PDB file of N, CA and C in Angstrom:
ATOM      1  N   MET A   1     172.359  71.005  74.322  1.00  0.00           N
ATOM      2  CA  MET A   1     173.711  70.293  75.266  1.00  0.00           C
ATOM      3  C   MET A   1     173.322  69.383  73.744  1.00  0.00           C
ATOM      4  N   GLY A   2     174.394  68.795  73.423  1.00  0.00           N
ATOM      5  CA  GLY A   2     174.127  67.504  72.154  1.00  0.00           C
ATOM      6  C   GLY A   2     173.606  66.923  71.742  1.00  0.00           C
ATOM      7  N   GLU A   3     173.134  65.201  71.403  1.00  0.00           N
ATOM      8  CA  GLU A   3     172.357  64.500  71.524  1.00  0.00           C
ATOM      9  C   GLU A   3     172.623  63.634  71.942  1.00  0.00           C
ATOM     10  N   GLU A   4     174.128  63.420  72.518  1.00  0.00           N
ATOM     11  CA  GLU A   4     175.391  62.264  72.443  1.00  0.00           C
ATOM     12  C   GLU A   4     175.693  62.594  73.788  1.00  0.00           C
ATOM     13  N   ALA A   5     176.018  63.993  74.300  1.00  0.00           N
ATOM     14  CA  ALA A   5     175.856  64.628  75.881  1.00  0.00           C
ATOM     15  C   ALA A   5     174.658  64.195  76.784  1.00  0.00           C
ATOM     16  N   ARG A   6     173.534  64.494  75.950  1.00  0.00           N
ATOM     17  CA  ARG A   6     172.144  63.963  77.308  1.00  0.00           C
ATOM     18  C   ARG A   6     171.909  62.667  76.987  1.00  0.00           C
ATOM     19  N   LEU A   7     172.441  60.955  75.818  1.00  0.00           N
ATOM     20  CA  LEU A   7     172.473  60.065  76.405  1.00  0.00           C
ATOM     21  C   LEU A   7     174.002  59.858  77.492  1.00  0.00           C
ATOM     22  N   ALA A   8     175.646  61.013  77.199  1.00  0.00           N
ATOM     23  CA  ALA A   8     175.704  60.200  77.752  1.00  0.00           C
ATOM     24  C   ALA A   8     176.183  60.699  79.323  1.00  0.00           C
ATOM     25  N   SER A   9     174.791  61.405  79.553  1.00  0.00           N
ATOM     26  CA  SER A   9     174.781  62.399  81.443  1.00  0.00           C
ATOM     27  C   SER A   9     173.069  61.355  82.487  1.00  0.00           C
ATOM     28  N   ALA A  10     172.795  60.565  80.830  1.00  0.00           N
ATOM     29  CA  ALA A  10     172.388  59.316  82.138  1.00  0.00           C
ATOM     30  C   ALA A  10     172.455  58.063  82.055  1.00  0.00           C
ATOM     31  N   LEU A  11     173.597  57.709  81.744  1.00  0.00           N
ATOM     32  CA  LEU A  11     174.406  57.033  81.532  1.00  0.00           C
ATOM     33  C   LEU A  11     174.697  56.713  83.246  1.00  0.00           C
ATOM     34  N   PRO A  12     175.267  55.496  83.831  1.00  0.00           N
ATOM     35  CA  PRO A  12     175.411  55.667  85.445  1.00  0.00           C
ATOM     36  C   PRO A  12     176.735  56.086  84.970  1.00  0.00           C
ATOM     37  N   GLY A  13     177.101  56.420  86.029  1.00  0.00           N
ATOM     38  CA  GLY A  13     178.991  56.900  86.272  1.00  0.00           C
ATOM     39  C   GLY A  13     179.629  56.416  86.187  1.00  0.00           C
ATOM     40  N   TRP A  14     180.293  54.909  86.652  1.00  0.00           N
ATOM     41  CA  TRP A  14     180.988  54.158  85.858  1.00  0.00           C
ATOM     42  C   TRP A  14     180.367  53.176  84.244  1.00  0.00           C
ATOM     43  N   TRP A  15     179.250  53.346  83.956  1.00  0.00           N
ATOM     44  CA  TRP A  15     179.435  53.112  82.708  1.00  0.00           C
ATOM     45  C   TRP A  15     180.252  55.015  81.309  1.00  0.00           C
ATOM     46  N   ARG A  16     179.888  55.996  82.062  1.00  0.00           N
ATOM     47  CA  ARG A  16     181.124  57.126  81.553  1.00  0.00           C
ATOM     48  C   ARG A  16     182.064  56.746  81.946  1.00  0.00           C
ATOM     49  N   GLN A  17     182.584  55.951  83.032  1.00  0.00           N
ATOM     50  CA  GLN A  17     183.823  56.508  83.171  1.00  0.00           C
ATOM     51  C   GLN A  17     184.383  55.091  82.230  1.00  0.00           C
ATOM     52  N   MET A  18     183.887  54.571  81.768  1.00  0.00           N
ATOM     53  CA  MET A  18     184.485  53.149  81.005  1.00  0.00           C
ATOM     54  C   MET A  18     184.208  54.115  79.638  1.00  0.00           C
ATOM     55  N   LEU A  19     183.550  54.584  79.232  1.00  0.00           N
ATOM     56  CA  LEU A  19     183.505  54.962  77.643  1.00  0.00           C
ATOM     57  C   LEU A  19     184.495  56.474  77.657  1.00  0.00           C
ATOM     58  N   SER A  20     184.852  56.962  78.431  1.00  0.00           N
ATOM     59  CA  SER A  20     185.406  58.199  77.872  1.00  0.00           C
ATOM     60  C   SER A  20     187.522  57.503  78.975  1.00  0.00           C
ATOM     61  N   SER A  21     187.422  55.941  79.163  1.00  0.00           N
ATOM     62  CA  SER A  21     188.270  55.360  78.674  1.00  0.00           C
ATOM     63  C   SER A  21     189.109  55.116  77.625  1.00  0.00           C
ATOM     64  N   GLN A  22     187.682  54.008  77.370  1.00  0.00           N
ATOM     65  CA  GLN A  22     187.929  53.784  76.045  1.00  0.00           C
ATOM     66  C   GLN A  22     188.493  54.583  74.727  1.00  0.00           C
ATOM     67  N   ARG A  23     187.693  55.931  74.941  1.00  0.00           N
ATOM     68  CA  ARG A  23     188.028  56.657  73.824  1.00  0.00           C
ATOM     69  C   ARG A  23     189.559  57.718  74.289  1.00  0.00           C
ATOM     70  N   ARG A  24     189.396  57.794  75.176  1.00  0.00           N
ATOM     71  CA  ARG A  24     191.760  57.891  75.777  1.00  0.00           C
ATOM     72  C   ARG A  24     191.610  57.210  75.061  1.00  0.00           C
ATOM     73  N   GLU A  25     192.033  55.765  75.674  1.00  0.00           N
ATOM     74  CA  GLU A  25     192.772  55.084  74.742  1.00  0.00           C
ATOM     75  C   GLU A  25     192.073  54.938  73.135  1.00  0.00           C
ATOM     76  N   ALA A  26     191.898  54.712  72.541  1.00  0.00           N
ATOM     77  CA  ALA A  26     191.649  54.947  71.312  1.00  0.00           C
ATOM     78  C   ALA A  26     192.055  56.351  70.528  1.00  0.00           C
ATOM     79  N   ARG A  27     192.163  57.400  71.288  1.00  0.00           N
ATOM     80  CA  ARG A  27     192.351  58.297  70.638  1.00  0.00           C
ATOM     81  C   ARG A  27     194.356  58.079  70.779  1.00  0.00           C
ATOM     82  N   ARG A  28     194.831  57.418  71.828  1.00  0.00           N
ATOM     83  CA  ARG A  28     196.208  57.476  72.226  1.00  0.00           C
ATOM     84  C   ARG A  28     196.929  55.751  70.787  1.00  0.00           C
ATOM     85  N   ILE A  29     195.995  55.438  70.653  1.00  0.00           N
ATOM     86  CA  ILE A  29     196.379  54.342  69.974  1.00  0.00           C
ATOM     87  C   ILE A  29     196.119  54.338  68.076  1.00  0.00           C
ATOM     88  N   LEU A  30     194.967  55.890  68.258  1.00  0.00           N
ATOM     89  CA  LEU A  30     195.071  56.096  66.326  1.00  0.00           C
ATOM     90  C   LEU A  30     196.728  57.337  65.978  1.00  0.00           C
ATOM     91  N   GLY A  31     197.087  58.201  67.673  1.00  0.00           N
ATOM     92  CA  GLY A  31     198.430  58.480  67.142  1.00  0.00           C
ATOM     93  C   GLY A  31     198.726  57.855  67.267  1.00  0.00           C
ATOM     94  N   GLU A  32     198.671  57.192  68.351  1.00  0.00           N
ATOM     95  CA  GLU A  32     200.773  56.445  67.265  1.00  0.00           C
ATOM     96  C   GLU A  32     200.157  56.020  66.226  1.00  0.00           C
ATOM     97  N   LEU A  33     199.118  54.768  65.844  1.00  0.00           N
ATOM     98  CA  LEU A  33     199.152  54.760  64.405  1.00  0.00           C
ATOM     99  C   LEU A  33     200.345  56.021  63.170  1.00  0.00           C
ATOM    100  N   MET A  34     199.823  57.201  63.868  1.00  0.00           N
ATOM    101  CA  MET A  34     199.476  57.727  62.744  1.00  0.00           C
ATOM    102  C   MET A  34     201.340  58.341  63.072  1.00  0.00           C
ATOM    103  N   GLU A  35     201.854  58.652  63.302  1.00  0.00           N
ATOM    104  CA  GLU A  35     202.481  58.280  64.033  1.00  0.00           C
ATOM    105  C   GLU A  35     203.947  57.391  63.175  1.00  0.00           C
ATOM    106  N   THR A  36     203.427  56.784  62.558  1.00  0.00           N
ATOM    107  CA  THR A  36     204.146  55.945  62.132  1.00  0.00           C
ATOM    108  C   THR A  36     203.442  55.662  60.322  1.00  0.00           C
ATOM    109  N   ARG A  37     202.806  56.636  60.099  1.00  0.00           N
ATOM    110  CA  ARG A  37     203.147  57.300  58.306  1.00  0.00           C
ATOM    111  C   ARG A  37     204.188  56.764  57.619  1.00  0.00           C
ATOM    112  N   GLY A  38     205.826  57.281  58.374  1.00  0.00           N
ATOM    113  CA  GLY A  38     206.459  56.908  57.009  1.00  0.00           C
ATOM    114  C   GLY A  38     206.953  56.106  57.356  1.00  0.00           C
ATOM    115  N   MET A  39     205.971  54.394  57.360  1.00  0.00           N
ATOM    116  CA  MET A  39     207.886  53.925  57.879  1.00  0.00           C
ATOM    117  C   MET A  39     207.065  52.665  56.265  1.00  0.00           C
ATOM    118  N   MET A  40     206.572  53.104  55.775  1.00  0.00           N
ATOM    119  CA  MET A  40     206.002  52.555  54.815  1.00  0.00           C
ATOM    120  C   MET A  40     207.080  52.571  53.788  1.00  0.00           C
ATOM    121  N   PRO A  41     206.761  53.492  53.171  1.00  0.00           N
ATOM    122  CA  PRO A  41     208.003  54.023  52.130  1.00  0.00           C
ATOM    123  C   PRO A  41     209.429  54.479  53.214  1.00  0.00           C
ATOM    124  N   LEU A  42     210.238  53.916  54.099  1.00  0.00           N
ATOM    125  CA  LEU A  42     211.976  53.447  54.230  1.00  0.00           C
ATOM    126  C   LEU A  42     211.707  52.077  54.432  1.00  0.00           C
ATOM    127  N   LEU A  43     210.792  51.100  55.331  1.00  0.00           N
ATOM    128  CA  LEU A  43     210.852  50.103  54.528  1.00  0.00           C
ATOM    129  C   LEU A  43     211.279  49.570  53.029  1.00  0.00           C
ATOM    130  N   MET A  44     210.240  50.050  52.220  1.00  0.00           N
ATOM    131  CA  MET A  44     210.296  49.753  50.466  1.00  0.00           C
ATOM    132  C   MET A  44     211.667  50.705  49.866  1.00  0.00           C
ATOM    133  N   LYS A  45     212.519  51.534  50.266  1.00  0.00           N
ATOM    134  CA  LYS A  45     213.593  51.595  50.205  1.00  0.00           C
ATOM    135  C   LYS A  45     214.593  50.418  50.101  1.00  0.00           C
ATOM    136  N   ALA A  46     214.918  49.969  51.314  1.00  0.00           N
ATOM    137  CA  ALA A  46     215.598  48.308  51.461  1.00  0.00           C
ATOM    138  C   ALA A  46     215.281  47.431  50.569  1.00  0.00           C
ATOM    139  N   ARG A  47     213.568  47.308  50.267  1.00  0.00           N
ATOM    140  CA  ARG A  47     212.849  46.410  49.282  1.00  0.00           C
ATOM    141  C   ARG A  47     213.443  46.088  47.866  1.00  0.00           C
ATOM    142  N   ASN A  48     214.041  48.010  47.990  1.00  0.00           N
ATOM    143  CA  ASN A  48     214.081  48.380  46.352  1.00  0.00           C
ATOM    144  C   ASN A  48     215.103  48.057  46.032  1.00  0.00           C
ATOM    145  N   GLY A  49     216.607  48.374  47.285  1.00  0.00           N
ATOM    146  CA  GLY A  49     217.745  48.646  46.671  1.00  0.00           C
ATOM    147  C   GLY A  49     218.617  49.094  46.965  1.00  0.00           C
ATOM    148  N   VAL A  50     217.853  49.783  47.498  1.00  0.00           N
ATOM    149  CA  VAL A  50     218.114  51.667  48.332  1.00  0.00           C
ATOM    150  C   VAL A  50     218.988  51.216  49.482  1.00  0.00           C
ATOM    151  N   ALA A  51     219.448  51.728  49.998  1.00  0.00           N
ATOM    152  CA  ALA A  51     220.560  51.637  51.310  1.00  0.00           C
ATOM    153  C   ALA A  51     219.799  52.910  51.944  1.00  0.00           C
ATOM    154  N   TRP A  52     219.587  52.895  53.415  1.00  0.00           N
ATOM    155  CA  TRP A  52     219.577  52.463  54.470  1.00  0.00           C
ATOM    156  C   TRP A  52     220.328  54.236  55.231  1.00  0.00           C
ATOM    157  N   THR A  53     220.329  55.159  55.243  1.00  0.00           N
ATOM    158  CA  THR A  53     220.901  56.188  56.066  1.00  0.00           C
ATOM    159  C   THR A  53     220.907  55.956  57.076  1.00  0.00           C
ATOM    160  N   PRO A  54     221.762  56.189  57.744  1.00  0.00           N
ATOM    161  CA  PRO A  54     222.056  55.807  59.305  1.00  0.00           C
ATOM    162  C   PRO A  54     219.846  56.658  60.409  1.00  0.00           C
ATOM    163  N   ALA A  55     220.275  58.190  59.793  1.00  0.00           N
ATOM    164  CA  ALA A  55     219.199  58.520  59.953  1.00  0.00           C
ATOM    165  C   ALA A  55     218.406  57.554  59.883  1.00  0.00           C
ATOM    166  N   GLU A  56     218.119  57.055  59.173  1.00  0.00           N
ATOM    167  CA  GLU A  56     216.746  55.974  59.068  1.00  0.00           C
ATOM    168  C   GLU A  56     216.699  55.019  58.921  1.00  0.00           C
ATOM    169  N   LYS A  57     217.468  54.795  59.953  1.00  0.00           N
ATOM    170  CA  LYS A  57     217.681  53.397  60.310  1.00  0.00           C
ATOM    171  C   LYS A  57     216.989  54.394  62.157  1.00  0.00           C
ATOM    172  N   GLU A  58     217.444  55.256  62.272  1.00  0.00           N
ATOM    173  CA  GLU A  58     216.979  55.129  63.940  1.00  0.00           C
ATOM    174  C   GLU A  58     215.912  55.475  63.799  1.00  0.00           C
ATOM    175  N   GLU A  59     215.388  55.924  63.031  1.00  0.00           N
ATOM    176  CA  GLU A  59     213.854  56.110  62.476  1.00  0.00           C
ATOM    177  C   GLU A  59     212.584  55.147  62.179  1.00  0.00           C
ATOM    178  N   LEU A  60     213.300  53.974  61.902  1.00  0.00           N
ATOM    179  CA  LEU A  60     212.621  53.003  60.827  1.00  0.00           C
ATOM    180  C   LEU A  60     212.763  52.378  63.030  1.00  0.00           C
ATOM    181  N   LEU A  61     213.909  51.973  63.880  1.00  0.00           N
ATOM    182  CA  LEU A  61     213.513  51.798  65.179  1.00  0.00           C
ATOM    183  C   LEU A  61     212.236  52.430  65.428  1.00  0.00           C
ATOM    184  N   GLY A  62     212.622  53.831  65.724  1.00  0.00           N
ATOM    185  CA  GLY A  62     210.892  54.435  66.631  1.00  0.00           C
ATOM    186  C   GLY A  62     210.676  54.135  65.772  1.00  0.00           C
ATOM    187  N   HIS A  63     209.614  53.628  64.724  1.00  0.00           N
ATOM    188  CA  HIS A  63     208.975  53.200  64.856  1.00  0.00           C
ATOM    189  C   HIS A  63     207.782  51.743  65.177  1.00  0.00           C
ATOM    190  N   LEU A  64     209.627  50.726  65.030  1.00  0.00           N
ATOM    191  CA  LEU A  64     208.976  49.369  65.597  1.00  0.00           C
ATOM    192  C   LEU A  64     208.744  50.186  67.307  1.00  0.00           C
ATOM    193  N   ARG A  65     209.644  50.798  68.152  1.00  0.00           N
ATOM    194  CA  ARG A  65     209.376  50.427  69.096  1.00  0.00           C
ATOM    195  C   ARG A  65     207.744  50.887  69.544  1.00  0.00           C
ATOM    196  N   ARG A  66     207.862  52.323  68.291  1.00  0.00           N
ATOM    197  CA  ARG A  66     206.259  52.380  68.804  1.00  0.00           C
ATOM    198  C   ARG A  66     205.403  51.447  68.889  1.00  0.00           C
ATOM    199  N   MET A  67     205.162  51.080  67.172  1.00  0.00           N
ATOM    200  CA  MET A  67     204.686  49.381  67.315  1.00  0.00           C
ATOM    201  C   MET A  67     204.555  49.338  68.277  1.00  0.00           C
ATOM    202  N   ALA A  68     205.777  47.958  68.413  1.00  0.00           N
ATOM    203  CA  ALA A  68     206.193  47.371  70.108  1.00  0.00           C
ATOM    204  C   ALA A  68     204.988  47.784  71.025  1.00  0.00           C
ATOM    205  N   HIS A  69     204.951  48.783  72.036  1.00  0.00           N
ATOM    206  CA  HIS A  69     203.894  49.554  72.297  1.00  0.00           C
ATOM    207  C   HIS A  69     203.027  48.967  72.557  1.00  0.00           C
ATOM    208  N   LEU A  70     201.935  48.800  70.974  1.00  0.00           N
ATOM    209  CA  LEU A  70     200.858  48.725  70.662  1.00  0.00           C
ATOM    210  C   LEU A  70     200.308  47.450  70.402  1.00  0.00           C
ATOM    211  N   SER A  71     201.282  46.733  70.131  1.00  0.00           N
ATOM    212  CA  SER A  71     200.534  45.313  70.433  1.00  0.00           C
ATOM    213  C   SER A  71     200.379  44.524  71.234  1.00  0.00           C
ATOM    214  N   PRO A  72     201.005  44.535  72.747  1.00  0.00           N
ATOM    215  CA  PRO A  72     199.519  44.361  73.517  1.00  0.00           C
ATOM    216  C   PRO A  72     198.163  44.390  72.988  1.00  0.00           C
ATOM    217  N   TYR A  73     198.313  45.914  72.954  1.00  0.00           N
ATOM    218  CA  TYR A  73     196.132  46.383  72.574  1.00  0.00           C
ATOM    219  C   TYR A  73     195.983  45.230  71.687  1.00  0.00           C
ATOM    220  N   LEU A  74     196.920  44.918  70.799  1.00  0.00           N
ATOM    221  CA  LEU A  74     195.652  44.899  69.630  1.00  0.00           C
ATOM    222  C   LEU A  74     196.249  43.251  69.109  1.00  0.00           C
ATOM    223  N   ILE A  75     196.968  42.924  70.184  1.00  0.00           N
ATOM    224  CA  ILE A  75     196.997  41.559  70.176  1.00  0.00           C
ATOM    225  C   ILE A  75     195.553  41.403  71.177  1.00  0.00           C
ATOM    226  N   ALA A  76     195.739  41.996  71.779  1.00  0.00           N
ATOM    227  CA  ALA A  76     193.970  41.235  72.807  1.00  0.00           C
ATOM    228  C   ALA A  76     193.073  41.837  71.603  1.00  0.00           C
ATOM    229  N   LEU A  77     192.451  43.313  70.882  1.00  0.00           N
ATOM    230  CA  LEU A  77     191.520  43.003  70.019  1.00  0.00           C
ATOM    231  C   LEU A  77     191.211  41.745  69.390  1.00  0.00           C
ATOM    232  N   LEU A  78     192.363  41.120  68.802  1.00  0.00           N
ATOM    233  CA  LEU A  78     192.342  40.040  67.620  1.00  0.00           C
ATOM    234  C   LEU A  78     191.814  39.117  67.911  1.00  0.00           C
ATOM    235  N   LEU A  79     191.615  38.713  69.084  1.00  0.00           N
ATOM    236  CA  LEU A  79     192.201  37.355  70.106  1.00  0.00           C
ATOM    237  C   LEU A  79     190.887  37.410  69.269  1.00  0.00           C
ATOM    238  N   PRO A  80     190.603  35.681  69.103  1.00  0.00           N
ATOM    239  CA  PRO A  80     188.900  35.379  69.635  1.00  0.00           C
ATOM    240  C   PRO A  80     188.279  34.893  71.173  1.00  0.00           C
ATOM    241  N   GLY A  81     187.600  36.120  71.636  1.00  0.00           N
ATOM    242  CA  GLY A  81     186.299  36.210  72.979  1.00  0.00           C
ATOM    243  C   GLY A  81     187.591  36.965  73.331  1.00  0.00           C
ATOM    244  N   SER A  82     187.950  37.565  72.631  1.00  0.00           N
ATOM    245  CA  SER A  82     188.735  38.987  72.656  1.00  0.00           C
ATOM    246  C   SER A  82     187.768  40.107  74.063  1.00  0.00           C
ATOM    247  N   VAL A  83     186.164  40.229  73.789  1.00  0.00           N
ATOM    248  CA  VAL A  83     186.093  40.776  74.211  1.00  0.00           C
ATOM    249  C   VAL A  83     185.116  40.660  75.590  1.00  0.00           C
ATOM    250  N   LEU A  84     185.276  39.407  76.009  1.00  0.00           N
ATOM    251  CA  LEU A  84     185.630  38.371  77.434  1.00  0.00           C
ATOM    252  C   LEU A  84     186.784  38.833  77.728  1.00  0.00           C
ATOM    253  N   LEU A  85     187.902  38.542  77.264  1.00  0.00           N
ATOM    254  CA  LEU A  85     189.338  38.998  78.423  1.00  0.00           C
ATOM    255  C   LEU A  85     189.016  40.546  78.893  1.00  0.00           C
ATOM    256  N   LEU A  86     188.895  41.501  78.485  1.00  0.00           N
ATOM    257  CA  LEU A  86     188.956  42.718  78.271  1.00  0.00           C
ATOM    258  C   LEU A  86     188.680  42.446  80.340  1.00  0.00           C
ATOM    259  N   PRO A  87     187.827  42.568  81.019  1.00  0.00           N
ATOM    260  CA  PRO A  87     188.138  43.087  81.840  1.00  0.00           C
ATOM    261  C   PRO A  87     190.205  42.422  82.764  1.00  0.00           C
ATOM    262  N   ALA A  88     190.143  41.239  82.614  1.00  0.00           N
ATOM    263  CA  ALA A  88     191.065  40.481  83.025  1.00  0.00           C
ATOM    264  C   ALA A  88     192.573  41.699  82.058  1.00  0.00           C
ATOM    265  N   TYR A  89     192.530  42.273  80.620  1.00  0.00           N
ATOM    266  CA  TYR A  89     193.006  43.063  80.509  1.00  0.00           C
ATOM    267  C   TYR A  89     193.004  44.248  80.988  1.00  0.00           C
ATOM    268  N   ALA A  90     192.182  44.517  81.254  1.00  0.00           N
ATOM    269  CA  ALA A  90     191.825  46.239  81.931  1.00  0.00           C
ATOM    270  C   ALA A  90     192.651  45.808  83.629  1.00  0.00           C
ATOM    271  N   TRP A  91     192.829  45.138  84.317  1.00  0.00           N
ATOM    272  CA  TRP A  91     193.173  44.465  84.959  1.00  0.00           C
ATOM    273  C   TRP A  91     195.319  44.820  85.025  1.00  0.00           C
ATOM    274  N   TRP A  92     195.743  44.235  84.151  1.00  0.00           N
ATOM    275  CA  TRP A  92     197.012  44.029  83.541  1.00  0.00           C
ATOM    276  C   TRP A  92     197.568  44.841  83.455  1.00  0.00           C
ATOM    277  N   LEU A  93     196.903  46.146  82.861  1.00  0.00           N
ATOM    278  CA  LEU A  93     196.980  46.834  82.026  1.00  0.00           C
ATOM    279  C   LEU A  93     197.234  48.280  83.710  1.00  0.00           C
ATOM    280  N   ASP A  94     195.860  48.917  84.191  1.00  0.00           N
ATOM    281  CA  ASP A  94     196.814  49.124  84.908  1.00  0.00           C
ATOM    282  C   ASP A  94     197.652  49.017  86.056  1.00  0.00           C
ATOM    283  N   ARG A  95     198.002  50.351  85.041  1.00  0.00           N
ATOM    284  CA  ARG A  95     199.456  50.603  86.179  1.00  0.00           C
ATOM    285  C   ARG A  95     199.609  51.054  87.707  1.00  0.00           C
ATOM    286  N   ARG A  96     198.452  51.335  88.426  1.00  0.00           N
ATOM    287  CA  ARG A  96     198.187  52.065  89.696  1.00  0.00           C
ATOM    288  C   ARG A  96     198.009  50.728  90.319  1.00  0.00           C
ATOM    289  N   ARG A  97     197.685  49.191  89.823  1.00  0.00           N
ATOM    290  CA  ARG A  97     197.598  47.821  90.793  1.00  0.00           C
ATOM    291  C   ARG A  97     198.735  48.225  91.501  1.00  0.00           C
ATOM    292  N   LEU A  98     200.108  48.458  89.629  1.00  0.00           N
ATOM    293  CA  LEU A  98     200.929  47.732  90.997  1.00  0.00           C
ATOM    294  C   LEU A  98     201.494  49.480  92.718  1.00  0.00           C
ATOM    295  N   LYS A  99     201.070  50.054  92.818  1.00  0.00           N
ATOM    296  CA  LYS A  99     201.757  50.983  93.581  1.00  0.00           C
ATOM    297  C   LYS A  99     200.619  50.596  95.167  1.00  0.00           C
ATOM    298  N   ARG A 100     199.308  49.986  94.829  1.00  0.00           N
ATOM    299  CA  ARG A 100     198.187  49.474  95.193  1.00  0.00           C
ATOM    300  C   ARG A 100     199.388  48.546  96.006  1.00  0.00           C
ATOM    301  N   GLN A 101     199.988  47.416  94.993  1.00  0.00           N
ATOM    302  CA  GLN A 101     200.208  45.701  95.949  1.00  0.00           C
ATOM    303  C   GLN A 101     199.272  44.641  95.249  1.00  0.00           C
ATOM    304  N   ASP A 102     198.278  45.082  95.265  1.00  0.00           N
ATOM    305  CA  ASP A 102     197.266  44.237  94.827  1.00  0.00           C
ATOM    306  C   ASP A 102     197.399  42.979  95.248  1.00  0.00           C
TER     307      ASP A 102
END
């Protein structure tokens, strides 16, 4: 058993669940950011005086939509005191609460 797995097994269950949720969301955000890798060359085309093709416009819109879905995560993490807001932020993001009608 690895050192990290040994340490994780010593933690309380709620803490392990919180860490696994954090890791899952970090992987998701990183994956979404990696999908936007081609955005800068597209943006620079217009800056350099080259017109976008319709396909490039659609690709650019896709990148912007992807980033718009990430903006609540990034804004909340960059604000001063955001660590104190994380429980409220987690409650707000919890889609299950809408089904439970809390």
